[in-house]
Amino acid sequence: MKARYLDKNEELYDIMIAEIRKAMDDSHIVKVLHDGKKDSQALHLNAICPKNVVDTSVTFCLIEYLKIN
């Protein structure tokens, strides 16, 4: 999945993906997302598997569940 503006510049696309992959693969960096399902899907389409991810929407649901029970 590539943005249209990157169609004409394959080199820029490759550089961007490499930098994103480097950050997402680094388990020392905590990645904080909110409702990151689509973000995660887009990354996986580019063979990027983020490590050390916290999804605040999941955390919120857990806290609400614990309040009720």
N, C-alpha and C. Protein backbone atom coordinates (compact mmCIF):
# COMPACT_ATOMS: atom_id res chain seq x y z
N MET A 1 0.86 -1.17 0.00
CA MET A 1 0.00 0.00 0.00
C MET A 1 0.90 1.23 0.00
N LYS A 2 0.83 2.00 -1.06
CA LYS A 2 1.71 3.14 -1.20
C LYS A 2 0.87 4.37 -1.57
N ALA A 3 1.18 5.50 -0.95
CA ALA A 3 0.49 6.74 -1.28
C ALA A 3 0.81 7.13 -2.72
N ARG A 4 -0.16 7.75 -3.39
CA ARG A 4 0.03 8.12 -4.80
C ARG A 4 1.24 9.02 -5.03
N TYR A 5 1.47 9.96 -4.11
CA TYR A 5 2.59 10.88 -4.31
C TYR A 5 3.93 10.18 -4.28
N LEU A 6 3.97 8.94 -3.81
CA LEU A 6 5.23 8.19 -3.78
C LEU A 6 5.42 7.33 -5.03
N ASP A 7 4.40 7.24 -5.88
CA ASP A 7 4.51 6.43 -7.09
C ASP A 7 5.67 6.88 -7.97
N LYS A 8 5.89 8.17 -8.04
CA LYS A 8 6.91 8.70 -8.93
C LYS A 8 8.29 8.70 -8.29
N ASN A 9 8.35 8.44 -7.00
CA ASN A 9 9.64 8.51 -6.32
C ASN A 9 9.87 7.25 -5.49
N GLU A 10 10.23 6.20 -6.18
CA GLU A 10 10.44 4.89 -5.54
C GLU A 10 11.57 4.95 -4.51
N GLU A 11 12.59 5.74 -4.77
CA GLU A 11 13.72 5.84 -3.84
C GLU A 11 13.27 6.45 -2.51
N LEU A 12 12.46 7.51 -2.56
CA LEU A 12 11.95 8.13 -1.34
C LEU A 12 11.08 7.14 -0.57
N TYR A 13 10.26 6.39 -1.28
CA TYR A 13 9.40 5.39 -0.65
C TYR A 13 10.26 4.36 0.10
N ASP A 14 11.30 3.86 -0.56
CA ASP A 14 12.18 2.86 0.06
C ASP A 14 12.87 3.41 1.30
N ILE A 15 13.30 4.67 1.24
CA ILE A 15 13.96 5.30 2.39
C ILE A 15 12.97 5.44 3.54
N MET A 16 11.75 5.90 3.24
CA MET A 16 10.74 6.07 4.29
C MET A 16 10.40 4.74 4.95
N ILE A 17 10.18 3.70 4.16
CA ILE A 17 9.85 2.39 4.71
C ILE A 17 11.00 1.86 5.57
N ALA A 18 12.22 2.06 5.13
CA ALA A 18 13.38 1.59 5.90
C ALA A 18 13.45 2.30 7.26
N GLU A 19 13.20 3.60 7.30
CA GLU A 19 13.24 4.34 8.56
C GLU A 19 12.09 3.95 9.48
N ILE A 20 10.92 3.79 8.91
CA ILE A 20 9.76 3.35 9.70
C ILE A 20 10.02 1.96 10.27
N ARG A 21 10.54 1.06 9.45
CA ARG A 21 10.85 -0.31 9.89
C ARG A 21 11.86 -0.28 11.05
N LYS A 22 12.88 0.57 10.92
CA LYS A 22 13.91 0.65 11.96
C LYS A 22 13.29 1.06 13.30
N ALA A 23 12.42 2.05 13.28
CA ALA A 23 11.79 2.52 14.53
C ALA A 23 10.82 1.48 15.08
N MET A 24 10.03 0.87 14.21
CA MET A 24 9.01 -0.08 14.66
C MET A 24 9.62 -1.39 15.14
N ASP A 25 10.77 -1.77 14.61
CA ASP A 25 11.44 -3.01 15.03
C ASP A 25 12.22 -2.84 16.33
N ASP A 26 12.48 -1.61 16.74
CA ASP A 26 13.28 -1.35 17.94
C ASP A 26 12.42 -1.57 19.18
N SER A 27 12.72 -2.62 19.92
CA SER A 27 11.93 -2.94 21.11
C SER A 27 12.22 -2.01 22.28
N HIS A 28 13.26 -1.18 22.17
CA HIS A 28 13.57 -0.21 23.22
C HIS A 28 12.70 1.04 23.12
N ILE A 29 12.04 1.21 21.99
CA ILE A 29 11.14 2.35 21.80
C ILE A 29 9.71 1.87 22.00
N VAL A 30 8.99 2.52 22.91
CA VAL A 30 7.58 2.18 23.14
C VAL A 30 6.75 2.95 22.12
N LYS A 31 5.94 2.24 21.38
CA LYS A 31 5.05 2.85 20.41
C LYS A 31 3.66 2.94 21.03
N VAL A 32 3.12 4.15 21.17
CA VAL A 32 1.82 4.35 21.78
C VAL A 32 0.84 4.73 20.68
N LEU A 33 -0.19 3.91 20.54
CA LEU A 33 -1.23 4.13 19.52
C LEU A 33 -2.58 4.21 20.21
N HIS A 34 -3.54 4.80 19.54
CA HIS A 34 -4.92 4.75 20.01
C HIS A 34 -5.73 4.15 18.88
N ASP A 35 -6.34 3.02 19.15
CA ASP A 35 -7.11 2.29 18.13
C ASP A 35 -6.23 2.04 16.90
N GLY A 36 -5.13 1.36 17.13
CA GLY A 36 -4.11 1.19 16.10
C GLY A 36 -4.30 0.01 15.16
N LYS A 37 -5.51 -0.52 15.05
CA LYS A 37 -5.73 -1.69 14.20
C LYS A 37 -5.37 -1.40 12.74
N LYS A 38 -5.88 -0.30 12.20
CA LYS A 38 -5.60 0.02 10.79
C LYS A 38 -4.13 0.39 10.59
N ASP A 39 -3.54 1.07 11.57
CA ASP A 39 -2.12 1.38 11.48
C ASP A 39 -1.30 0.09 11.42
N SER A 40 -1.65 -0.84 12.28
CA SER A 40 -0.96 -2.12 12.34
C SER A 40 -1.12 -2.89 11.02
N GLN A 41 -2.33 -2.87 10.48
CA GLN A 41 -2.57 -3.56 9.21
C GLN A 41 -1.73 -2.95 8.09
N ALA A 42 -1.65 -1.62 8.03
CA ALA A 42 -0.85 -0.95 7.00
C ALA A 42 0.62 -1.29 7.15
N LEU A 43 1.10 -1.34 8.38
CA LEU A 43 2.50 -1.71 8.60
C LEU A 43 2.76 -3.14 8.16
N HIS A 44 1.86 -4.05 8.51
CA HIS A 44 2.05 -5.45 8.13
C HIS A 44 2.00 -5.65 6.62
N LEU A 45 1.24 -4.83 5.90
CA LEU A 45 1.23 -4.91 4.44
C LEU A 45 2.60 -4.59 3.86
N ASN A 46 3.40 -3.85 4.61
CA ASN A 46 4.75 -3.51 4.18
C ASN A 46 5.80 -4.36 4.90
N ALA A 47 5.35 -5.49 5.44
CA ALA A 47 6.23 -6.45 6.12
C ALA A 47 6.93 -5.83 7.33
N ILE A 48 6.21 -4.95 8.04
CA ILE A 48 6.74 -4.32 9.25
C ILE A 48 5.89 -4.81 10.41
N CYS A 49 6.56 -5.42 11.40
CA CYS A 49 5.86 -5.93 12.57
C CYS A 49 6.32 -5.14 13.80
N PRO A 50 5.50 -4.18 14.24
CA PRO A 50 5.91 -3.35 15.38
C PRO A 50 6.11 -4.15 16.66
N LYS A 51 7.09 -3.76 17.41
CA LYS A 51 7.38 -4.40 18.70
C LYS A 51 7.19 -3.37 19.81
N ASN A 52 6.77 -3.85 20.99
CA ASN A 52 6.60 -3.01 22.16
C ASN A 52 5.56 -1.91 21.92
N VAL A 53 4.34 -2.34 21.57
CA VAL A 53 3.25 -1.42 21.25
C VAL A 53 2.23 -1.40 22.39
N VAL A 54 1.78 -0.20 22.73
CA VAL A 54 0.70 -0.02 23.70
C VAL A 54 -0.45 0.66 22.97
N ASP A 55 -1.63 0.05 23.03
CA ASP A 55 -2.82 0.65 22.41
C ASP A 55 -3.68 1.21 23.53
N THR A 56 -3.81 2.52 23.56
CA THR A 56 -4.54 3.16 24.66
C THR A 56 -6.02 2.82 24.65
N SER A 57 -6.59 2.49 23.50
CA SER A 57 -8.01 2.12 23.47
C SER A 57 -8.23 0.78 24.16
N VAL A 58 -7.29 -0.14 24.01
CA VAL A 58 -7.38 -1.43 24.70
C VAL A 58 -7.19 -1.23 26.20
N THR A 59 -6.24 -0.37 26.55
CA THR A 59 -6.01 -0.08 27.96
C THR A 59 -7.25 0.53 28.61
N PHE A 60 -7.89 1.46 27.90
CA PHE A 60 -9.11 2.08 28.40
C PHE A 60 -10.20 1.04 28.63
N CYS A 61 -10.40 0.15 27.67
CA CYS A 61 -11.41 -0.91 27.81
C CYS A 61 -11.12 -1.80 29.01
N LEU A 62 -9.88 -2.13 29.22
CA LEU A 62 -9.50 -2.96 30.37
C LEU A 62 -9.80 -2.24 31.68
N ILE A 63 -9.45 -0.98 31.75
CA ILE A 63 -9.72 -0.21 32.98
C ILE A 63 -11.22 -0.14 33.24
N GLU A 64 -12.02 0.12 32.21
CA GLU A 64 -13.47 0.19 32.38
C GLU A 64 -14.02 -1.17 32.82
N TYR A 65 -13.50 -2.25 32.26
CA TYR A 65 -13.95 -3.59 32.64
C TYR A 65 -13.64 -3.85 34.11
N LEU A 66 -12.45 -3.46 34.53
CA LEU A 66 -12.06 -3.69 35.93
C LEU A 66 -12.87 -2.86 36.90
N LYS A 67 -13.31 -1.68 36.46
CA LYS A 67 -14.16 -0.83 37.32
C LYS A 67 -15.51 -1.49 37.56
N ILE A 68 -16.06 -2.09 36.51
CA ILE A 68 -17.39 -2.69 36.59
C ILE A 68 -17.36 -3.99 37.39
N ASN A 69 -16.32 -4.76 37.21
CA ASN A 69 -16.26 -6.06 37.88
C ASN A 69 -15.45 -5.92 39.10
